[in-house]
Amino acid sequence: MSKDSKILNPFFKKEYPVISHGKRIYMYDEDGKEYIDGTSGAVLCSLGHGLEEMGDVLKAQTEKISFVYRWDCVTDVLEQACNKICEASENHFSKVFYVSGGSEATEIAVKLARKYHLNKGNHGKYKVISRWQSYHGSTMGVLSLTGFTGRRAGYEPYLHEFGHIPPAYCYRCWYNKEPKNCNIECAQALENEILSQGPDSVSAFIMEPISGMSICAARPRDDYYEKIKEICKKYDVLLIFDEVMTGIGRTGKYFAYQYFNVKPDIIALGKALCGGYFPIGAVACTEALYETIYNNTAEFPPGYSWAGNPLGCAVVVKTFEYIEEHHLITKSAENGAYLKQRLKSLHKHPTVGDIRGLGMMVGIEFVKNKSTKEAFGPEVGYSLQINQEALKRGMFIELSSGCDKGVRGDMIMAAPAFIITKEEIDKMIDILDETITAVEERNGFLSEAIG
C-alpha cells in the first residue's frame, strides 16, 4: 500500500485491490475487474454480497432504535435473535449472550465457564485446556488458548499457559498412527493433561469441532468427540465448542456438533451468524449450566458496550429467515459435497497432499513430497504463491501456513457463500487447477496425474 494511505493494514508493502462493490459470490474493484470470493471473505459472508434486504433491515431497525445498554434494558429483537439460536440447537441451548464478534465470544465462553465453577463452589477451577494448531481469537485472553504459533508469535510475554494437547490431525498424526488403527491417543491426551494439571484446577476444554484456518478443515474420527466428552464429564470439566467458523450452516448443519453424538456445554459463534452483514458473535449455554448460576449468585456481569445491540440482532433474525426461506442449510450440505468432489480432481497435482472438510468448508494441504508428506519450508511461501496466482486469475482464496508443528506447511481454504451454484463451483475449480499448475511449474514440478 502507498505510505500516503491512512489504513493500517496487515502487510504494509502489499498492493491490495480496492473493492468498490459486490454481488452474490463476486466482488468488483474500482477498475471493474471481477473476482470470485472463494472463501466468503474470512469464511464469513455466507449469504453472499449485495443483499438489499439486509440494508432494509438495518434501516428499519435504526428508525426504531439503534442502541440500548444491556445493563439497563433489553429489546424484543434481542429476544428473537436468542430464540433463533436456541431453536436451531433443538433447544439444547437455552440462554444466549450476544457480543460483537468471534474473539469476544470465546472470551465470554471462558468467563461463563469460570462463573459456573465459582457458583458450584469450585474456586480452584480456572484453567482452560486447548489444542496446539487451534485458533480461538486475537484478544490476549483467547490468544493464550490459541495453539496457532504464528498468531501467538511476539505476544508470548502477555499470554497465560494453561496447557495444550496435540491436535486431532489425522493427516499429520502427532502419534504417527493411522485413523483405522489408532486408539484416539489425541483424545486420551486430554485426560493425561487434566491429571497432570490437577482435576481440581481445570475449568474447561475448548476445541473447534472442525479446525479453522490453522489446519484448514481437519477433523478426527467420530469417536474422538465421544471420548473427549466422556473425559470432560469424568472430571467436571466443561466442554466448549468454538464454532465461530463452523456454526450457522457452514458445514451443512446449523452447528457442526450436530453431526456427532456429542453436545457441548457452551458454544461460541460468529462469522456466518450475521451472513456477513454486521459484526456480531454469540455464546450459548445449556439450561443446566444456567440453573447452577441462577440458583446461587444469579448474575453474570461481564460484557461489552455493544453486546446485544439491536441492529446486529435484527440482522441475525433476518439471516435465519433468509437461510430458512432459501433452504440454505440443505444447499450448503449439497453444494459442499459437490465442492469437495470437484476439489478431489486436484489430487492429480504432485503438490496436493490432502483434501478434507465438511460442507462448504474444504481445506487443501500442499506438500513437497506426497509419499513422505514433507512440507514446504516457510521460505518458499507456497500457499502465498497460490493466493497471489489465484488473485491474478480473478479469485480470492484464503491461505494459511504452519500446519506442520507451527513452522512448516501450506494450505488454502475453499469456503464460498452458500448461494453458490454448481456452475460457479466448476469455475472455481478451473481457476484453482490453472493456479496450482502455474505455481508448480514455477517451483519445478510437473503437473501431471500420478498414481
Protein backbone atom coordinates (compact mmCIF):
# COMPACT_ATOMS: atom_id res chain seq x y z
CA MET A 1 0.00 0.00 0.00
CA SER A 2 1.05 3.58 -0.51
CA LYS A 3 2.58 5.18 2.58
CA ASP A 4 0.11 8.01 1.99
CA SER A 5 -2.80 5.71 2.88
CA LYS A 6 -4.22 6.17 6.38
CA ILE A 7 -5.15 2.46 6.57
CA LEU A 8 -3.09 0.33 8.92
CA ASN A 9 -3.36 -2.95 7.05
CA PRO A 10 -1.66 -6.28 7.92
CA PHE A 11 1.09 -6.07 5.30
CA PHE A 12 2.43 -2.58 4.77
CA LYS A 13 4.10 -3.21 1.41
CA LYS A 14 1.38 -5.35 -0.18
CA GLU A 15 -0.73 -3.99 -3.02
CA TYR A 16 -4.39 -4.52 -2.13
CA PRO A 17 -7.23 -4.42 -4.68
CA VAL A 18 -9.63 -1.57 -3.88
CA ILE A 19 -13.09 -3.17 -3.86
CA SER A 20 -15.97 -0.90 -4.83
CA HIS A 21 -18.95 -3.28 -4.62
CA GLY A 22 -20.06 -6.90 -4.59
CA LYS A 23 -22.93 -9.09 -5.72
CA ARG A 24 -23.58 -12.71 -4.77
CA ILE A 25 -20.18 -14.52 -4.78
CA TYR A 26 -18.45 -11.75 -6.74
CA MET A 27 -16.55 -8.61 -5.78
CA TYR A 28 -15.50 -5.81 -8.13
CA ASP A 29 -12.56 -3.45 -7.85
CA GLU A 30 -12.53 0.23 -8.77
CA ASP A 31 -11.49 -0.66 -12.33
CA GLY A 32 -14.41 -3.04 -12.74
CA LYS A 33 -12.40 -6.27 -12.53
CA GLU A 34 -14.49 -9.19 -11.24
CA TYR A 35 -13.25 -11.54 -8.51
CA ILE A 36 -14.82 -14.70 -7.14
CA ASP A 37 -14.91 -14.55 -3.36
CA GLY A 38 -13.73 -18.13 -2.90
CA THR A 39 -13.57 -18.07 0.89
CA SER A 40 -16.52 -15.82 1.78
CA GLY A 41 -14.09 -13.18 2.98
CA ALA A 42 -12.80 -14.68 6.25
CA VAL A 43 -15.19 -17.66 5.94
CA LEU A 44 -17.88 -15.20 6.94
CA CYS A 45 -20.06 -13.87 4.10
CA SER A 46 -22.28 -16.93 3.96
CA LEU A 47 -25.18 -15.24 2.14
CA GLY A 48 -23.05 -13.54 -0.50
CA HIS A 49 -22.69 -9.84 -1.19
CA GLY A 50 -25.16 -7.10 -2.01
CA LEU A 51 -28.36 -8.32 -0.34
CA GLU A 52 -30.70 -5.33 -0.38
CA GLU A 53 -32.86 -6.99 2.28
CA MET A 54 -30.10 -6.51 4.83
CA GLY A 55 -29.88 -2.81 4.11
CA ASP A 56 -33.64 -2.57 4.56
CA VAL A 57 -33.47 -4.42 7.88
CA LEU A 58 -30.75 -2.11 9.20
CA LYS A 59 -32.65 0.98 8.09
CA ALA A 60 -35.87 -0.21 9.69
CA GLN A 61 -34.18 -1.09 12.99
CA THR A 62 -32.26 2.20 13.03
CA GLU A 63 -35.56 4.07 12.74
CA LYS A 64 -36.85 2.14 15.77
CA ILE A 65 -33.74 2.22 17.97
CA SER A 66 -30.09 1.55 17.24
CA PHE A 67 -28.65 1.14 20.72
CA VAL A 68 -29.71 0.15 24.21
CA TYR A 69 -27.43 -0.74 27.11
CA ARG A 70 -27.77 -4.33 28.27
CA TRP A 71 -27.27 -3.44 31.95
CA ASP A 72 -30.42 -1.32 31.87
CA CYS A 73 -32.86 -2.84 29.39
CA VAL A 74 -33.46 -5.37 26.61
CA THR A 75 -35.27 -5.31 23.27
CA ASP A 76 -37.75 -7.61 21.60
CA VAL A 77 -35.36 -8.12 18.67
CA LEU A 78 -32.71 -9.38 21.11
CA GLU A 79 -35.20 -11.93 22.42
CA GLN A 80 -35.97 -13.01 18.85
CA ALA A 81 -32.28 -13.37 17.99
CA CYS A 82 -31.67 -15.50 21.09
CA ASN A 83 -34.65 -17.70 20.26
CA LYS A 84 -33.26 -18.35 16.77
CA ILE A 85 -30.08 -19.90 18.15
CA CYS A 86 -31.92 -21.96 20.76
CA GLU A 87 -34.41 -23.26 18.17
CA ALA A 88 -31.58 -24.15 15.75
CA SER A 89 -30.00 -26.21 18.56
CA GLU A 90 -33.32 -28.02 19.08
CA ASN A 91 -33.32 -26.29 22.47
CA HIS A 92 -30.13 -27.96 23.66
CA PHE A 93 -29.09 -24.40 24.46
CA SER A 94 -31.47 -22.24 26.47
CA LYS A 95 -29.63 -18.97 27.06
CA VAL A 96 -27.66 -16.74 24.65
CA PHE A 97 -25.24 -13.84 25.19
CA TYR A 98 -24.62 -11.62 22.14
CA VAL A 99 -21.27 -9.90 21.57
CA SER A 100 -19.51 -8.16 18.67
CA GLY A 101 -17.50 -11.00 17.14
CA GLY A 102 -15.77 -14.35 17.50
CA SER A 103 -12.89 -13.32 19.77
CA GLU A 104 -15.33 -11.72 22.20
CA ALA A 105 -17.48 -14.84 22.04
CA THR A 106 -14.69 -17.21 23.04
CA GLU A 107 -13.61 -14.80 25.80
CA ILE A 108 -17.15 -14.76 27.22
CA ALA A 109 -17.38 -18.55 26.93
CA VAL A 110 -14.28 -18.89 29.12
CA LYS A 111 -15.65 -16.39 31.65
CA LEU A 112 -19.01 -18.17 31.72
CA ALA A 113 -17.27 -21.48 32.46
CA ARG A 114 -15.37 -19.86 35.31
CA LYS A 115 -18.57 -18.32 36.69
CA TYR A 116 -20.24 -21.73 36.63
CA HIS A 117 -17.49 -23.30 38.75
CA LEU A 118 -17.44 -20.37 41.17
CA ASN A 119 -21.17 -20.82 41.70
CA LYS A 120 -20.61 -24.52 42.37
CA GLY A 121 -18.01 -23.66 44.99
CA ASN A 122 -15.12 -24.96 42.86
CA HIS A 123 -12.97 -21.87 43.30
CA GLY A 124 -9.78 -23.62 42.18
CA LYS A 125 -11.16 -24.49 38.74
CA TYR A 126 -9.92 -21.79 36.38
CA LYS A 127 -7.62 -23.38 33.78
CA VAL A 128 -8.83 -23.87 30.21
CA ILE A 129 -7.05 -26.55 28.21
CA SER A 130 -6.94 -26.28 24.43
CA ARG A 131 -5.09 -27.83 21.50
CA TRP A 132 -1.99 -26.98 19.54
CA GLN A 133 -2.77 -25.90 15.97
CA SER A 134 -6.01 -24.25 17.13
CA TYR A 135 -7.27 -20.70 16.74
CA HIS A 136 -9.67 -19.11 19.23
CA GLY A 137 -9.25 -15.38 18.69
CA SER A 138 -6.85 -12.47 18.78
CA THR A 139 -7.55 -10.85 22.16
CA MET A 140 -4.91 -11.70 24.74
CA GLY A 141 -7.14 -13.99 26.78
CA VAL A 142 -8.09 -16.34 23.97
CA LEU A 143 -4.79 -15.90 22.16
CA SER A 144 -3.42 -17.70 25.22
CA LEU A 145 -5.69 -20.63 24.36
CA THR A 146 -4.82 -20.48 20.67
CA GLY A 147 -2.28 -23.07 19.55
CA PHE A 148 -1.61 -21.40 16.19
CA THR A 149 2.01 -20.45 16.84
CA GLY A 150 2.19 -17.93 14.00
CA ARG A 151 -0.62 -15.91 15.61
CA ARG A 152 0.98 -16.14 19.06
CA ALA A 153 4.44 -15.10 17.86
CA GLY A 154 5.74 -11.97 19.55
CA TYR A 155 2.94 -11.81 22.11
CA GLU A 156 4.10 -14.67 24.34
CA PRO A 157 5.05 -12.37 27.26
CA TYR A 158 1.38 -11.41 27.62
CA LEU A 159 -0.04 -14.93 27.39
CA HIS A 160 -1.03 -17.42 30.09
CA GLU A 161 -0.25 -21.09 29.55
CA PHE A 162 -2.91 -23.45 30.90
CA GLY A 163 -1.95 -26.46 28.80
CA HIS A 164 -2.25 -27.51 25.16
CA ILE A 165 -2.68 -31.04 23.87
CA PRO A 166 -1.94 -32.43 20.37
CA PRO A 167 -4.45 -31.62 17.63
CA ALA A 168 -6.86 -34.14 16.11
CA TYR A 169 -4.98 -34.03 12.81
CA CYS A 170 -5.11 -37.39 11.06
CA TYR A 171 -3.08 -36.35 8.00
CA ARG A 172 -0.13 -35.42 10.23
CA CYS A 173 -0.86 -37.50 13.32
CA TRP A 174 1.46 -36.49 16.14
CA TYR A 175 1.49 -40.13 17.24
CA ASN A 176 2.38 -41.49 13.79
CA LYS A 177 -0.83 -43.52 13.68
CA GLU A 178 -3.46 -44.10 11.00
CA PRO A 179 -7.15 -43.41 11.77
CA LYS A 180 -8.18 -47.00 11.05
CA ASN A 181 -5.94 -48.46 13.76
CA CYS A 182 -5.28 -45.74 16.32
CA ASN A 183 -6.58 -45.68 19.90
CA ILE A 184 -7.54 -41.99 19.68
CA GLU A 185 -4.37 -41.05 21.51
CA CYS A 186 -5.06 -37.39 20.69
CA ALA A 187 -8.25 -37.59 22.78
CA GLN A 188 -6.64 -39.56 25.60
CA ALA A 189 -4.09 -36.75 25.80
CA LEU A 190 -6.81 -34.60 27.37
CA GLU A 191 -7.17 -36.91 30.38
CA ASN A 192 -3.41 -37.02 30.77
CA GLU A 193 -3.24 -33.23 30.75
CA ILE A 194 -6.12 -32.87 33.23
CA LEU A 195 -4.44 -35.31 35.60
CA SER A 196 -1.08 -33.57 35.19
CA GLN A 197 -2.59 -30.14 35.87
CA GLY A 198 -4.83 -31.47 38.64
CA PRO A 199 -8.57 -32.03 38.04
CA ASP A 200 -9.45 -29.50 40.75
CA SER A 201 -7.81 -26.74 38.71
CA VAL A 202 -9.30 -27.37 35.24
CA SER A 203 -12.43 -25.43 34.34
CA ALA A 204 -12.98 -26.26 30.64
CA PHE A 205 -11.66 -27.71 27.44
CA ILE A 206 -12.15 -25.64 24.29
CA MET A 207 -11.93 -27.04 20.77
CA GLU A 208 -13.00 -26.40 17.20
CA PRO A 209 -15.11 -29.42 16.13
CA ILE A 210 -13.65 -28.97 12.66
CA SER A 211 -10.46 -26.96 12.54
CA GLY A 212 -10.42 -23.48 11.09
CA MET A 213 -7.56 -21.78 9.29
CA SER A 214 -4.78 -23.24 11.47
CA ILE A 215 -5.15 -26.73 9.92
CA CYS A 216 -7.83 -25.94 7.35
CA ALA A 217 -10.89 -28.16 7.90
CA ALA A 218 -9.13 -31.10 9.57
CA ARG A 219 -11.37 -33.38 11.63
CA PRO A 220 -10.88 -36.58 13.62
CA ARG A 221 -12.79 -39.86 13.68
CA ASP A 222 -16.32 -39.52 15.05
CA ASP A 223 -15.49 -41.43 18.24
CA TYR A 224 -12.92 -38.76 19.15
CA TYR A 225 -15.73 -36.42 20.19
CA GLU A 226 -17.35 -39.08 22.37
CA LYS A 227 -14.05 -39.77 24.13
CA ILE A 228 -13.48 -36.07 24.77
CA LYS A 229 -16.97 -35.65 26.22
CA GLU A 230 -16.50 -38.72 28.42
CA ILE A 231 -13.26 -37.32 29.83
CA CYS A 232 -14.77 -33.88 30.45
CA LYS A 233 -17.74 -35.38 32.28
CA LYS A 234 -15.47 -37.60 34.40
CA TYR A 235 -13.54 -34.62 35.79
CA ASP A 236 -16.33 -32.00 35.85
CA VAL A 237 -14.67 -30.07 33.03
CA LEU A 238 -16.98 -28.06 30.78
CA LEU A 239 -16.79 -28.72 27.05
CA ILE A 240 -16.70 -25.55 24.95
CA PHE A 241 -17.08 -25.82 21.18
CA ASP A 242 -15.62 -22.91 19.27
CA GLU A 243 -18.00 -22.84 16.30
CA VAL A 244 -17.22 -19.29 15.25
CA MET A 245 -16.28 -20.62 11.82
CA THR A 246 -18.35 -23.80 11.59
CA GLY A 247 -21.63 -22.55 13.07
CA ILE A 248 -24.91 -21.48 11.41
CA GLY A 249 -24.76 -23.66 8.35
CA ARG A 250 -21.16 -23.65 7.12
CA THR A 251 -20.80 -27.43 7.46
CA GLY A 252 -24.27 -28.32 6.16
CA LYS A 253 -26.00 -28.23 9.54
CA TYR A 254 -26.69 -25.26 11.80
CA PHE A 255 -23.85 -26.39 14.07
CA ALA A 256 -21.05 -28.85 13.35
CA TYR A 257 -21.62 -30.68 16.65
CA GLN A 258 -24.94 -31.89 15.21
CA TYR A 259 -23.00 -34.37 13.08
CA PHE A 260 -21.64 -36.12 16.14
CA ASN A 261 -23.06 -37.90 19.17
CA VAL A 262 -21.85 -35.12 21.44
CA LYS A 263 -23.32 -31.85 22.66
CA PRO A 264 -21.13 -29.15 24.21
CA ASP A 265 -21.98 -27.28 27.40
CA ILE A 266 -21.11 -23.93 25.81
CA ILE A 267 -20.81 -22.86 22.19
CA ALA A 268 -19.15 -19.76 20.72
CA LEU A 269 -20.49 -18.35 17.46
CA GLY A 270 -19.69 -15.56 14.99
CA LYS A 271 -18.98 -15.11 11.27
CA ALA A 272 -21.97 -16.71 9.45
CA LEU A 273 -24.26 -15.76 12.33
CA CYS A 274 -24.85 -12.47 10.52
CA GLY A 275 -24.48 -13.74 6.95
CA GLY A 276 -21.69 -11.16 6.51
CA TYR A 277 -23.73 -8.03 7.22
CA PHE A 278 -22.92 -6.94 10.78
CA PRO A 279 -20.10 -7.53 13.30
CA ILE A 280 -21.68 -9.88 15.82
CA GLY A 281 -20.99 -13.05 17.78
CA ALA A 282 -22.74 -15.06 20.46
CA VAL A 283 -22.29 -17.52 23.29
CA ALA A 284 -24.97 -20.08 24.12
CA CYS A 285 -25.16 -22.41 27.13
CA THR A 286 -27.31 -25.24 28.42
CA GLU A 287 -30.13 -24.86 30.92
CA ALA A 288 -28.19 -26.95 33.46
CA LEU A 289 -25.28 -24.51 33.39
CA TYR A 290 -27.62 -21.52 33.63
CA GLU A 291 -29.56 -23.07 36.54
CA THR A 292 -26.36 -23.56 38.53
CA ILE A 293 -25.65 -19.83 38.36
CA TYR A 294 -29.32 -18.85 38.78
CA ASN A 295 -29.62 -20.87 41.99
CA ASN A 296 -26.57 -19.18 43.51
CA THR A 297 -25.44 -15.65 42.64
CA ALA A 298 -27.94 -15.27 39.78
CA GLU A 299 -25.67 -12.87 37.92
CA PHE A 300 -23.10 -12.79 35.12
CA PRO A 301 -21.87 -9.18 34.79
CA PRO A 302 -19.09 -9.46 32.13
CA GLY A 303 -19.79 -7.94 28.76
CA TYR A 304 -19.22 -5.17 26.26
CA SER A 305 -20.96 -1.91 25.44
CA TRP A 306 -22.26 -3.24 22.12
CA ALA A 307 -23.35 -6.62 23.49
CA GLY A 308 -26.89 -7.43 22.40
CA ASN A 309 -27.01 -4.46 20.02
CA PRO A 310 -30.46 -4.26 18.34
CA LEU A 311 -29.01 -3.54 14.88
CA GLY A 312 -26.93 -6.70 15.00
CA CYS A 313 -29.82 -8.72 16.41
CA ALA A 314 -32.09 -7.57 13.59
CA VAL A 315 -29.50 -8.79 11.08
CA VAL A 316 -29.24 -12.14 12.89
CA VAL A 317 -33.01 -12.64 12.76
CA LYS A 318 -33.05 -11.78 9.06
CA THR A 319 -30.10 -14.13 8.42
CA PHE A 320 -32.00 -17.05 9.93
CA GLU A 321 -35.13 -16.12 7.99
CA TYR A 322 -33.18 -15.89 4.73
CA ILE A 323 -31.48 -19.23 5.38
CA GLU A 324 -34.83 -20.88 6.07
CA GLU A 325 -36.62 -19.25 3.13
CA HIS A 326 -33.94 -20.27 0.64
CA HIS A 327 -33.17 -23.70 2.18
CA LEU A 328 -29.51 -22.74 2.53
CA ILE A 329 -28.61 -25.34 5.16
CA THR A 330 -29.59 -28.07 2.69
CA LYS A 331 -27.83 -26.23 -0.13
CA SER A 332 -24.70 -25.87 1.99
CA ALA A 333 -24.63 -29.64 2.52
CA GLU A 334 -25.39 -30.48 -1.12
CA ASN A 335 -23.11 -27.88 -2.69
CA GLY A 336 -20.44 -28.69 -0.10
CA ALA A 337 -20.45 -32.34 -1.17
CA TYR A 338 -20.15 -31.23 -4.80
CA LEU A 339 -17.36 -28.78 -3.93
CA LYS A 340 -15.36 -31.48 -2.17
CA GLN A 341 -15.94 -33.96 -5.00
CA ARG A 342 -14.74 -31.45 -7.60
CA LEU A 343 -11.75 -30.41 -5.47
CA LYS A 344 -10.64 -34.04 -5.30
CA SER A 345 -9.89 -33.80 -9.03
CA LEU A 346 -6.93 -31.66 -7.96
CA HIS A 347 -5.25 -34.71 -6.41
CA LYS A 348 -3.63 -35.15 -9.83
CA HIS A 349 -1.26 -32.33 -8.89
CA PRO A 350 2.01 -33.51 -7.33
CA THR A 351 1.86 -30.88 -4.58
CA VAL A 352 -1.74 -31.51 -3.48
CA GLY A 353 -1.34 -33.72 -0.42
CA ASP A 354 -4.72 -33.74 1.30
CA ILE A 355 -8.25 -32.51 0.66
CA ARG A 356 -10.56 -32.52 3.69
CA GLY A 357 -13.57 -30.84 5.17
CA LEU A 358 -17.31 -30.87 5.62
CA GLY A 359 -20.00 -28.84 3.89
CA MET A 360 -18.88 -25.52 2.45
CA MET A 361 -15.56 -25.62 4.27
CA VAL A 362 -12.90 -27.65 2.46
CA GLY A 363 -9.17 -27.37 3.03
CA ILE A 364 -6.33 -28.26 0.68
CA GLU A 365 -2.89 -29.01 2.09
CA PHE A 366 0.15 -28.73 -0.19
CA VAL A 367 3.26 -30.86 0.18
CA LYS A 368 6.70 -31.07 -1.35
CA ASN A 369 6.54 -34.87 -1.44
CA LYS A 370 3.28 -36.84 -1.42
CA SER A 371 4.84 -40.11 -0.27
CA THR A 372 6.57 -38.66 2.78
CA LYS A 373 4.16 -35.71 3.33
CA GLU A 374 7.21 -33.46 3.52
CA ALA A 375 6.05 -29.88 3.84
CA PHE A 376 7.45 -26.83 2.10
CA GLY A 377 9.65 -24.60 4.22
CA PRO A 378 8.36 -21.17 5.17
CA GLU A 379 10.93 -19.52 2.89
CA VAL A 380 9.08 -20.92 -0.16
CA GLY A 381 5.80 -19.20 0.68
CA TYR A 382 3.93 -21.83 -1.31
CA SER A 383 0.41 -21.01 -0.13
CA LEU A 384 1.13 -17.30 -0.63
CA GLN A 385 2.10 -18.07 -4.22
CA ILE A 386 -1.20 -19.91 -4.65
CA ASN A 387 -3.09 -16.97 -3.19
CA GLN A 388 -1.39 -14.42 -5.43
CA GLU A 389 -1.69 -16.54 -8.58
CA ALA A 390 -5.41 -17.09 -7.94
CA LEU A 391 -5.88 -13.35 -7.48
CA LYS A 392 -4.34 -12.72 -10.91
CA ARG A 393 -6.95 -15.10 -12.32
CA GLY A 394 -9.81 -13.35 -10.56
CA MET A 395 -10.36 -15.26 -7.31
CA PHE A 396 -9.74 -14.55 -3.65
CA ILE A 397 -8.75 -17.67 -1.72
CA GLU A 398 -7.62 -17.60 1.92
CA LEU A 399 -4.23 -19.11 2.75
CA SER A 400 -2.62 -20.49 5.87
CA SER A 401 0.75 -21.88 6.86
CA GLY A 402 2.47 -23.59 9.76
CA CYS A 403 0.30 -26.72 9.89
CA ASP A 404 3.39 -28.89 10.45
CA LYS A 405 4.14 -28.16 14.13
CA GLY A 406 3.58 -24.45 13.59
CA VAL A 407 6.64 -23.90 11.41
CA ARG A 408 6.25 -25.54 8.01
CA GLY A 409 3.31 -26.43 5.80
CA ASP A 410 0.91 -24.68 3.42
CA MET A 411 -2.85 -24.73 2.99
CA ILE A 412 -5.80 -22.91 1.46
CA MET A 413 -9.48 -22.99 2.37
CA ALA A 414 -12.29 -23.20 -0.18
CA ALA A 415 -15.40 -21.84 1.55
CA PRO A 416 -17.68 -19.88 -0.79
CA ALA A 417 -21.08 -18.44 0.10
CA PHE A 418 -23.92 -20.93 0.48
CA ILE A 419 -25.71 -19.43 -2.54
CA ILE A 420 -23.04 -20.53 -4.99
CA THR A 421 -24.19 -22.67 -7.94
CA LYS A 422 -22.58 -25.85 -9.22
CA GLU A 423 -21.55 -23.98 -12.36
CA GLU A 424 -19.78 -21.39 -10.23
CA ILE A 425 -18.08 -24.14 -8.23
CA ASP A 426 -16.81 -25.56 -11.52
CA LYS A 427 -15.44 -22.13 -12.38
CA MET A 428 -13.64 -22.01 -9.01
CA ILE A 429 -12.07 -25.41 -9.64
CA ASP A 430 -10.90 -24.38 -13.10
CA ILE A 431 -9.16 -21.33 -11.62
CA LEU A 432 -7.58 -23.39 -8.86
CA ASP A 433 -6.42 -26.01 -11.36
CA GLU A 434 -4.72 -23.36 -13.51
CA THR A 435 -3.33 -21.64 -10.41
CA ILE A 436 -1.76 -24.78 -8.95
CA THR A 437 -0.31 -25.71 -12.34
CA ALA A 438 1.34 -22.30 -12.68
CA VAL A 439 2.80 -22.40 -9.15
CA GLU A 440 4.02 -25.97 -9.55
CA GLU A 441 5.79 -25.15 -12.80
CA ARG A 442 7.42 -22.13 -11.17
CA ASN A 443 8.70 -24.39 -8.37
CA GLY A 444 10.00 -27.15 -10.63
CA PHE A 445 7.10 -29.62 -10.52
CA LEU A 446 5.38 -31.26 -13.49
CA SER A 447 1.61 -31.01 -13.02
CA GLU A 448 0.60 -34.44 -14.20
CA ALA A 449 -1.66 -37.12 -12.79
CA ILE A 450 0.25 -39.52 -10.59
CA GLY A 451 -0.68 -42.88 -9.14
